[in-house]
C-alpha atoms as a PDB file:
ATOM      1  CA  UNK A   1      69.018-225.403  74.600  1.00  0.00           C
ATOM      2  CA  UNK A   2      66.837-226.769  71.783  1.00  0.00           C
ATOM      3  CA  UNK A   3      66.630-223.262  70.276  1.00  0.00           C
ATOM      4  CA  UNK A   4      70.414-223.020  70.221  1.00  0.00           C
ATOM      5  CA  UNK A   5      70.682-226.464  68.652  1.00  0.00           C
ATOM      6  CA  UNK A   6      68.157-225.522  65.965  1.00  0.00           C
ATOM      7  CA  UNK A   7      70.083-222.434  64.985  1.00  0.00           C
ATOM      8  CA  UNK A   8      73.293-224.456  64.725  1.00  0.00           C
ATOM      9  CA  UNK A   9      71.526-227.002  62.504  1.00  0.00           C
ATOM     10  CA  UNK A  10      70.199-224.150  60.258  1.00  0.00           C
ATOM     11  CA  UNK A  11      73.683-222.689  60.081  1.00  0.00           C
ATOM     12  CA  UNK A  12      75.216-226.009  59.083  1.00  0.00           C
ATOM     13  CA  UNK A  13      72.580-226.515  56.364  1.00  0.00           C
ATOM     14  CA  UNK A  14      72.583-222.948  54.997  1.00  0.00           C
ATOM     15  CA  UNK A  15      76.353-222.261  55.035  1.00  0.00           C
ATOM     16  CA  UNK A  16      77.268-224.558  52.088  1.00  0.00           C
ATOM     17  CA  UNK A  17      74.316-223.344  50.017  1.00  0.00           C
ATOM     18  CA  UNK A  18      75.386-219.726  49.471  1.00  0.00           C
ATOM     19  CA  UNK A  19      78.876-220.328  47.903  1.00  0.00           C
ATOM     20  CA  UNK A  20      77.471-223.142  45.693  1.00  0.00           C
ATOM     21  CA  UNK A  21      74.706-220.856  44.399  1.00  0.00           C
ATOM     22  CA  UNK A  22      77.066-217.956  43.806  1.00  0.00           C
ATOM     23  CA  UNK A  23      79.544-220.208  42.022  1.00  0.00           C
ATOM     24  CA  UNK A  24      76.756-221.537  39.788  1.00  0.00           C
ATOM     25  CA  UNK A  25      75.667-217.996  38.984  1.00  0.00           C
ATOM     26  CA  UNK A  26      79.204-216.994  38.141  1.00  0.00           C
ATOM     27  CA  UNK A  27      79.752-220.033  35.880  1.00  0.00           C
ATOM     28  CA  UNK A  28      76.487-219.425  34.012  1.00  0.00           C
ATOM     29  CA  UNK A  29      77.410-215.745  33.710  1.00  0.00           C
ATOM     30  CA  UNK A  30      80.851-216.484  32.307  1.00  0.00           C
ATOM     31  CA  UNK A  31      79.426-218.809  29.704  1.00  0.00           C
ATOM     32  CA  UNK A  32      76.644-216.474  28.552  1.00  0.00           C
ATOM     33  CA  UNK A  33      78.063-212.993  28.982  1.00  0.00           C
ATOM     34  CA  UNK A  34      81.824-212.941  29.282  1.00  0.00           C
ATOM     35  CA  UNK A  35      82.526-209.202  29.543  1.00  0.00           C
ATOM     36  CA  UNK A  36      79.121-207.925  30.607  1.00  0.00           C
ATOM     37  CA  UNK A  37      79.109-205.772  33.726  1.00  0.00           C
ATOM     38  CA  UNK A  38      75.311-205.770  33.912  1.00  0.00           C
ATOM     39  CA  UNK A  39      75.260-209.489  34.670  1.00  0.00           C
ATOM     40  CA  UNK A  40      77.782-209.043  37.460  1.00  0.00           C
ATOM     41  CA  UNK A  41      75.660-206.247  38.897  1.00  0.00           C
ATOM     42  CA  UNK A  42      72.470-208.335  38.679  1.00  0.00           C
ATOM     43  CA  UNK A  43      74.072-211.449  40.207  1.00  0.00           C
ATOM     44  CA  UNK A  44      75.610-209.307  42.968  1.00  0.00           C
ATOM     45  CA  UNK A  45      72.164-207.778  43.566  1.00  0.00           C
ATOM     46  CA  UNK A  46      70.598-211.226  43.723  1.00  0.00           C
ATOM     47  CA  UNK A  47      73.248-212.572  46.116  1.00  0.00           C
ATOM     48  CA  UNK A  48      73.137-209.495  48.332  1.00  0.00           C
ATOM     49  CA  UNK A  49      69.364-208.929  48.532  1.00  0.00           C
ATOM     50  CA  UNK A  50      67.268-211.801  47.228  1.00  0.00           C
ATOM     51  CA  UNK A  51      69.348-214.809  48.424  1.00  0.00           C
ATOM     52  CA  UNK A  52      69.184-213.934  52.141  1.00  0.00           C
ATOM     53  CA  UNK A  53      65.387-213.489  51.899  1.00  0.00           C
ATOM     54  CA  UNK A  54      65.076-216.788  50.094  1.00  0.00           C
ATOM     55  CA  UNK A  55      67.294-218.544  52.663  1.00  0.00           C
ATOM     56  CA  UNK A  56      65.301-217.156  55.561  1.00  0.00           C
ATOM     57  CA  UNK A  57      62.040-218.115  53.844  1.00  0.00           C
ATOM     58  CA  UNK A  58      63.283-221.698  53.287  1.00  0.00           C
ATOM     59  CA  UNK A  59      64.517-222.076  56.839  1.00  0.00           C
ATOM     60  CA  UNK A  60      61.229-220.830  58.299  1.00  0.00           C
ATOM     61  CA  UNK A  61      59.325-223.253  56.111  1.00  0.00           C
ATOM     62  CA  UNK A  62      61.631-226.188  56.864  1.00  0.00           C
ATOM     63  CA  UNK A  63      62.103-225.791  60.612  1.00  0.00           C
END
């Protein structure tokens, strides 16, 4: 029961983080490089690969 509750708490904390981070990346990207595909590729790579690792690292440290 406590394990299930912990995962729900993690989910509630993590869920809002990802869209906020991706929106911030997109806003920064639009300001700096308006028509640059490389930035989109890099930010997509970060969101797809690095962000989940970071989130799992943070959750393991926090909980």
